[in-house]
Amino acid sequence: MAKPMIRIHNTQTDEVIDREMNDQEFAAYEAEQAAEATRKAEAEAKATAKAALLTRLGITAEEAQLLLGGN
């Protein structure tokens, strides 16, 4: 698999350089992608658990906000 490209734009000279990420940049990129996937999975799990709880309680999200003193 080819590594993602990086674009470097020197605004003083208007020179544009496109190059592949080096190993260090690619490792950081992969780590950020994995962290984002984890955050997304956690958010989805939380939303699913919240929906299940609201269903068990037989109330809507709006009604839950009223119980919590939300606007």
PDB file of N, CA and C in Angstrom:
ATOM      1  N   MET A   1       0.844  -1.179   0.000  1.00  0.00           N
ATOM      2  CA  MET A   1       0.000   0.000   0.000  1.00  0.00           C
ATOM      3  C   MET A   1       0.888   1.240   0.000  1.00  0.00           C
ATOM      4  N   ALA A   2       0.569   2.153  -0.871  1.00  0.00           N
ATOM      5  CA  ALA A   2       1.315   3.402  -0.932  1.00  0.00           C
ATOM      6  C   ALA A   2       0.936   4.271   0.263  1.00  0.00           C
ATOM      7  N   LYS A   3       1.898   4.997   0.742  1.00  0.00           N
ATOM      8  CA  LYS A   3       1.657   5.896   1.873  1.00  0.00           C
ATOM      9  C   LYS A   3       0.916   7.130   1.379  1.00  0.00           C
ATOM     10  N   PRO A   4       0.116   7.761   2.258  1.00  0.00           N
ATOM     11  CA  PRO A   4      -0.581   8.992   1.876  1.00  0.00           C
ATOM     12  C   PRO A   4       0.419  10.091   1.497  1.00  0.00           C
ATOM     13  N   MET A   5      -0.065  11.009   0.717  1.00  0.00           N
ATOM     14  CA  MET A   5       0.775  12.108   0.245  1.00  0.00           C
ATOM     15  C   MET A   5       0.654  13.305   1.189  1.00  0.00           C
ATOM     16  N   ILE A   6       1.736  14.067   1.220  1.00  0.00           N
ATOM     17  CA  ILE A   6       1.779  15.328   1.965  1.00  0.00           C
ATOM     18  C   ILE A   6       2.061  16.429   0.957  1.00  0.00           C
ATOM     19  N   ARG A   7       1.329  17.532   1.090  1.00  0.00           N
ATOM     20  CA  ARG A   7       1.567  18.687   0.226  1.00  0.00           C
ATOM     21  C   ARG A   7       2.159  19.788   1.081  1.00  0.00           C
ATOM     22  N   ILE A   8       3.297  20.291   0.655  1.00  0.00           N
ATOM     23  CA  ILE A   8       3.966  21.398   1.335  1.00  0.00           C
ATOM     24  C   ILE A   8       3.913  22.595   0.394  1.00  0.00           C
ATOM     25  N   HIS A   9       3.333  23.689   0.887  1.00  0.00           N
ATOM     26  CA  HIS A   9       3.183  24.882   0.061  1.00  0.00           C
ATOM     27  C   HIS A   9       3.943  26.024   0.725  1.00  0.00           C
ATOM     28  N   ASN A  10       5.000  26.475   0.086  1.00  0.00           N
ATOM     29  CA  ASN A  10       5.762  27.621   0.558  1.00  0.00           C
ATOM     30  C   ASN A  10       5.064  28.864   0.013  1.00  0.00           C
ATOM     31  N   THR A  11       4.404  29.592   0.909  1.00  0.00           N
ATOM     32  CA  THR A  11       3.625  30.744   0.459  1.00  0.00           C
ATOM     33  C   THR A  11       4.503  31.922   0.041  1.00  0.00           C
ATOM     34  N   GLN A  12       5.748  31.920   0.490  1.00  0.00           N
ATOM     35  CA  GLN A  12       6.633  33.023   0.104  1.00  0.00           C
ATOM     36  C   GLN A  12       7.106  32.867  -1.337  1.00  0.00           C
ATOM     37  N   THR A  13       7.408  31.639  -1.740  1.00  0.00           N
ATOM     38  CA  THR A  13       7.898  31.400  -3.107  1.00  0.00           C
ATOM     39  C   THR A  13       6.821  30.797  -4.002  1.00  0.00           C
ATOM     40  N   ASP A  14       5.676  30.415  -3.412  1.00  0.00           N
ATOM     41  CA  ASP A  14       4.570  29.756  -4.097  1.00  0.00           C
ATOM     42  C   ASP A  14       4.975  28.385  -4.646  1.00  0.00           C
ATOM     43  N   GLU A  15       6.051  27.817  -4.085  1.00  0.00           N
ATOM     44  CA  GLU A  15       6.495  26.483  -4.486  1.00  0.00           C
ATOM     45  C   GLU A  15       5.629  25.436  -3.780  1.00  0.00           C
ATOM     46  N   VAL A  16       5.210  24.417  -4.537  1.00  0.00           N
ATOM     47  CA  VAL A  16       4.398  23.340  -3.994  1.00  0.00           C
ATOM     48  C   VAL A  16       5.150  22.030  -4.179  1.00  0.00           C
ATOM     49  N   ILE A  17       5.295  21.284  -3.078  1.00  0.00           N
ATOM     50  CA  ILE A  17       5.966  19.987  -3.123  1.00  0.00           C
ATOM     51  C   ILE A  17       4.988  18.930  -2.636  1.00  0.00           C
ATOM     52  N   ASP A  18       4.774  17.914  -3.445  1.00  0.00           N
ATOM     53  CA  ASP A  18       3.968  16.759  -3.060  1.00  0.00           C
ATOM     54  C   ASP A  18       4.911  15.584  -2.874  1.00  0.00           C
ATOM     55  N   ARG A  19       4.773  14.907  -1.706  1.00  0.00           N
ATOM     56  CA  ARG A  19       5.631  13.758  -1.436  1.00  0.00           C
ATOM     57  C   ARG A  19       4.903  12.775  -0.557  1.00  0.00           C
ATOM     58  N   GLU A  20       5.389  11.515  -0.552  1.00  0.00           N
ATOM     59  CA  GLU A  20       4.833  10.517   0.347  1.00  0.00           C
ATOM     60  C   GLU A  20       5.271  10.815   1.769  1.00  0.00           C
ATOM     61  N   MET A  21       4.439  10.400   2.728  1.00  0.00           N
ATOM     62  CA  MET A  21       4.815  10.533   4.136  1.00  0.00           C
ATOM     63  C   MET A  21       6.057   9.683   4.394  1.00  0.00           C
ATOM     64  N   ASN A  22       6.920  10.177   5.278  1.00  0.00           N
ATOM     65  CA  ASN A  22       8.050   9.348   5.691  1.00  0.00           C
ATOM     66  C   ASN A  22       7.548   8.376   6.760  1.00  0.00           C
ATOM     67  N   ASP A  23       8.422   7.480   7.219  1.00  0.00           N
ATOM     68  CA  ASP A  23       8.008   6.439   8.166  1.00  0.00           C
ATOM     69  C   ASP A  23       7.449   7.022   9.466  1.00  0.00           C
ATOM     70  N   GLN A  24       8.077   8.057   9.979  1.00  0.00           N
ATOM     71  CA  GLN A  24       7.626   8.673  11.235  1.00  0.00           C
ATOM     72  C   GLN A  24       6.255   9.333  11.054  1.00  0.00           C
ATOM     73  N   GLU A  25       6.075  10.063   9.971  1.00  0.00           N
ATOM     74  CA  GLU A  25       4.797  10.710   9.701  1.00  0.00           C
ATOM     75  C   GLU A  25       3.694   9.668   9.493  1.00  0.00           C
ATOM     76  N   PHE A  26       4.044   8.573   8.793  1.00  0.00           N
ATOM     77  CA  PHE A  26       3.064   7.531   8.528  1.00  0.00           C
ATOM     78  C   PHE A  26       2.659   6.826   9.819  1.00  0.00           C
ATOM     79  N   ALA A  27       3.600   6.596  10.723  1.00  0.00           N
ATOM     80  CA  ALA A  27       3.289   5.970  12.010  1.00  0.00           C
ATOM     81  C   ALA A  27       2.347   6.867  12.811  1.00  0.00           C
ATOM     82  N   ALA A  28       2.598   8.169  12.817  1.00  0.00           N
ATOM     83  CA  ALA A  28       1.728   9.109  13.524  1.00  0.00           C
ATOM     84  C   ALA A  28       0.342   9.143  12.877  1.00  0.00           C
ATOM     85  N   TYR A  29       0.315   9.101  11.561  1.00  0.00           N
ATOM     86  CA  TYR A  29      -0.958   9.080  10.817  1.00  0.00           C
ATOM     87  C   TYR A  29      -1.768   7.835  11.169  1.00  0.00           C
ATOM     88  N   GLU A  30      -1.111   6.676  11.178  1.00  0.00           N
ATOM     89  CA  GLU A  30      -1.801   5.430  11.514  1.00  0.00           C
ATOM     90  C   GLU A  30      -2.310   5.448  12.956  1.00  0.00           C
ATOM     91  N   ALA A  31      -1.507   5.990  13.878  1.00  0.00           N
ATOM     92  CA  ALA A  31      -1.920   6.076  15.276  1.00  0.00           C
ATOM     93  C   ALA A  31      -3.146   6.968  15.412  1.00  0.00           C
ATOM     94  N   GLU A  32      -3.174   8.074  14.692  1.00  0.00           N
ATOM     95  CA  GLU A  32      -4.320   8.979  14.748  1.00  0.00           C
ATOM     96  C   GLU A  32      -5.558   8.322  14.135  1.00  0.00           C
ATOM     97  N   GLN A  33      -5.375   7.566  13.059  1.00  0.00           N
ATOM     98  CA  GLN A  33      -6.497   6.859  12.449  1.00  0.00           C
ATOM     99  C   GLN A  33      -7.080   5.831  13.418  1.00  0.00           C
ATOM    100  N   ALA A  34      -6.209   5.099  14.117  1.00  0.00           N
ATOM    101  CA  ALA A  34      -6.657   4.104  15.093  1.00  0.00           C
ATOM    102  C   ALA A  34      -7.370   4.781  16.262  1.00  0.00           C
ATOM    103  N   ALA A  35      -6.824   5.899  16.732  1.00  0.00           N
ATOM    104  CA  ALA A  35      -7.448   6.633  17.843  1.00  0.00           C
ATOM    105  C   ALA A  35      -8.821   7.156  17.427  1.00  0.00           C
ATOM    106  N   GLU A  36      -8.938   7.646  16.216  1.00  0.00           N
ATOM    107  CA  GLU A  36     -10.226   8.148  15.722  1.00  0.00           C
ATOM    108  C   GLU A  36     -11.233   7.008  15.609  1.00  0.00           C
ATOM    109  N   ALA A  37     -10.803   5.848  15.140  1.00  0.00           N
ATOM    110  CA  ALA A  37     -11.702   4.691  15.053  1.00  0.00           C
ATOM    111  C   ALA A  37     -12.176   4.280  16.440  1.00  0.00           C
ATOM    112  N   THR A  38     -11.281   4.342  17.426  1.00  0.00           N
ATOM    113  CA  THR A  38     -11.650   4.010  18.806  1.00  0.00           C
ATOM    114  C   THR A  38     -12.655   5.013  19.347  1.00  0.00           C
ATOM    115  N   ARG A  39     -12.408   6.305  19.129  1.00  0.00           N
ATOM    116  CA  ARG A  39     -13.343   7.348  19.580  1.00  0.00           C
ATOM    117  C   ARG A  39     -14.716   7.158  18.947  1.00  0.00           C
ATOM    118  N   LYS A  40     -14.727   6.830  17.661  1.00  0.00           N
ATOM    119  CA  LYS A  40     -15.990   6.645  16.958  1.00  0.00           C
ATOM    120  C   LYS A  40     -16.735   5.430  17.509  1.00  0.00           C
ATOM    121  N   ALA A  41     -16.030   4.335  17.735  1.00  0.00           N
ATOM    122  CA  ALA A  41     -16.657   3.128  18.278  1.00  0.00           C
ATOM    123  C   ALA A  41     -17.207   3.387  19.679  1.00  0.00           C
ATOM    124  N   GLU A  42     -16.457   4.119  20.505  1.00  0.00           N
ATOM    125  CA  GLU A  42     -16.927   4.448  21.849  1.00  0.00           C
ATOM    126  C   GLU A  42     -18.172   5.327  21.808  1.00  0.00           C
ATOM    127  N   ALA A  43     -18.193   6.300  20.902  1.00  0.00           N
ATOM    128  CA  ALA A  43     -19.353   7.188  20.773  1.00  0.00           C
ATOM    129  C   ALA A  43     -20.578   6.399  20.306  1.00  0.00           C
ATOM    130  N   GLU A  44     -20.374   5.478  19.364  1.00  0.00           N
ATOM    131  CA  GLU A  44     -21.485   4.661  18.885  1.00  0.00           C
ATOM    132  C   GLU A  44     -22.006   3.745  19.990  1.00  0.00           C
ATOM    133  N   ALA A  45     -21.094   3.169  20.776  1.00  0.00           N
ATOM    134  CA  ALA A  45     -21.502   2.295  21.877  1.00  0.00           C
ATOM    135  C   ALA A  45     -22.284   3.085  22.930  1.00  0.00           C
ATOM    136  N   LYS A  46     -21.826   4.296  23.206  1.00  0.00           N
ATOM    137  CA  LYS A  46     -22.516   5.142  24.182  1.00  0.00           C
ATOM    138  C   LYS A  46     -23.912   5.509  23.681  1.00  0.00           C
ATOM    139  N   ALA A  47     -24.027   5.846  22.402  1.00  0.00           N
ATOM    140  CA  ALA A  47     -25.330   6.203  21.834  1.00  0.00           C
ATOM    141  C   ALA A  47     -26.267   5.003  21.846  1.00  0.00           C
ATOM    142  N   THR A  48     -25.742   3.824  21.557  1.00  0.00           N
ATOM    143  CA  THR A  48     -26.562   2.613  21.583  1.00  0.00           C
ATOM    144  C   THR A  48     -27.038   2.312  22.993  1.00  0.00           C
ATOM    145  N   ALA A  49     -26.142   2.455  23.971  1.00  0.00           N
ATOM    146  CA  ALA A  49     -26.518   2.207  25.364  1.00  0.00           C
ATOM    147  C   ALA A  49     -27.562   3.215  25.829  1.00  0.00           C
ATOM    148  N   LYS A  50     -27.402   4.467  25.423  1.00  0.00           N
ATOM    149  CA  LYS A  50     -28.364   5.504  25.800  1.00  0.00           C
ATOM    150  C   LYS A  50     -29.737   5.206  25.202  1.00  0.00           C
ATOM    151  N   ALA A  51     -29.758   4.813  23.921  1.00  0.00           N
ATOM    152  CA  ALA A  51     -31.023   4.491  23.270  1.00  0.00           C
ATOM    153  C   ALA A  51     -31.687   3.297  23.945  1.00  0.00           C
ATOM    154  N   ALA A  52     -30.889   2.299  24.314  1.00  0.00           N
ATOM    155  CA  ALA A  52     -31.439   1.116  24.987  1.00  0.00           C
ATOM    156  C   ALA A  52     -32.030   1.493  26.346  1.00  0.00           C
ATOM    157  N   LEU A  53     -31.342   2.349  27.069  1.00  0.00           N
ATOM    158  CA  LEU A  53     -31.836   2.780  28.377  1.00  0.00           C
ATOM    159  C   LEU A  53     -33.142   3.560  28.234  1.00  0.00           C
ATOM    160  N   LEU A  54     -33.185   4.476  27.281  1.00  0.00           N
ATOM    161  CA  LEU A  54     -34.406   5.257  27.068  1.00  0.00           C
ATOM    162  C   LEU A  54     -35.567   4.341  26.689  1.00  0.00           C
ATOM    163  N   THR A  55     -35.284   3.317  25.869  1.00  0.00           N
ATOM    164  CA  THR A  55     -36.320   2.363  25.485  1.00  0.00           C
ATOM    165  C   THR A  55     -36.815   1.588  26.702  1.00  0.00           C
ATOM    166  N   ARG A  56     -35.878   1.146  27.544  1.00  0.00           N
ATOM    167  CA  ARG A  56     -36.271   0.421  28.762  1.00  0.00           C
ATOM    168  C   ARG A  56     -37.102   1.286  29.688  1.00  0.00           C
ATOM    169  N   LEU A  57     -36.760   2.562  29.773  1.00  0.00           N
ATOM    170  CA  LEU A  57     -37.504   3.485  30.636  1.00  0.00           C
ATOM    171  C   LEU A  57     -38.813   3.933  29.997  1.00  0.00           C
ATOM    172  N   GLY A  58     -38.912   3.747  28.684  1.00  0.00           N
ATOM    173  CA  GLY A  58     -40.126   4.146  27.976  1.00  0.00           C
ATOM    174  C   GLY A  58     -40.267   5.643  27.825  1.00  0.00           C
ATOM    175  N   ILE A  59     -39.130   6.360  27.714  1.00  0.00           N
ATOM    176  CA  ILE A  59     -39.175   7.816  27.551  1.00  0.00           C
ATOM    177  C   ILE A  59     -38.342   8.225  26.341  1.00  0.00           C
ATOM    178  N   THR A  60     -38.587   9.435  25.873  1.00  0.00           N
ATOM    179  CA  THR A  60     -37.817   9.972  24.756  1.00  0.00           C
ATOM    180  C   THR A  60     -36.595  10.725  25.288  1.00  0.00           C
ATOM    181  N   ALA A  61     -35.702  11.058  24.388  1.00  0.00           N
ATOM    182  CA  ALA A  61     -34.517  11.828  24.772  1.00  0.00           C
ATOM    183  C   ALA A  61     -34.923  13.194  25.323  1.00  0.00           C
ATOM    184  N   GLU A  62     -35.965  13.782  24.742  1.00  0.00           N
ATOM    185  CA  GLU A  62     -36.447  15.081  25.220  1.00  0.00           C
ATOM    186  C   GLU A  62     -36.984  14.972  26.654  1.00  0.00           C
ATOM    187  N   GLU A  63     -37.697  13.893  26.929  1.00  0.00           N
ATOM    188  CA  GLU A  63     -38.221  13.689  28.279  1.00  0.00           C
ATOM    189  C   GLU A  63     -37.090  13.457  29.274  1.00  0.00           C
ATOM    190  N   ALA A  64     -36.047  12.768  28.847  1.00  0.00           N
ATOM    191  CA  ALA A  64     -34.892  12.548  29.704  1.00  0.00           C
ATOM    192  C   ALA A  64     -34.217  13.874  30.032  1.00  0.00           C
ATOM    193  N   GLN A  65     -34.120  14.772  29.059  1.00  0.00           N
ATOM    194  CA  GLN A  65     -33.532  16.088  29.292  1.00  0.00           C
ATOM    195  C   GLN A  65     -34.345  16.874  30.319  1.00  0.00           C
ATOM    196  N   LEU A  66     -35.670  16.755  30.242  1.00  0.00           N
ATOM    197  CA  LEU A  66     -36.525  17.432  31.215  1.00  0.00           C
ATOM    198  C   LEU A  66     -36.262  16.895  32.619  1.00  0.00           C
ATOM    199  N   LEU A  67     -36.076  15.586  32.746  1.00  0.00           N
ATOM    200  CA  LEU A  67     -35.800  14.985  34.044  1.00  0.00           C
ATOM    201  C   LEU A  67     -34.457  15.441  34.608  1.00  0.00           C
ATOM    202  N   LEU A  68     -33.513  15.698  33.720  1.00  0.00           N
ATOM    203  CA  LEU A  68     -32.178  16.117  34.141  1.00  0.00           C
ATOM    204  C   LEU A  68     -32.080  17.628  34.329  1.00  0.00           C
ATOM    205  N   GLY A  69     -33.158  18.338  34.055  1.00  0.00           N
ATOM    206  CA  GLY A  69     -33.145  19.792  34.224  1.00  0.00           C
ATOM    207  C   GLY A  69     -32.583  20.514  33.036  1.00  0.00           C
ATOM    208  N   GLY A  70     -32.494  19.839  31.902  1.00  0.00           N
ATOM    209  CA  GLY A  70     -31.997  20.482  30.692  1.00  0.00           C
ATOM    210  C   GLY A  70     -33.037  21.387  30.084  1.00  0.00           C
ATOM    211  N   ASN A  71     -32.617  22.170  29.093  1.00  0.00           N
ATOM    212  CA  ASN A  71     -33.530  23.117  28.450  1.00  0.00           C
ATOM    213  C   ASN A  71     -34.454  22.413  27.511  1.00  0.00           C
TER     214      ASN A  71
END
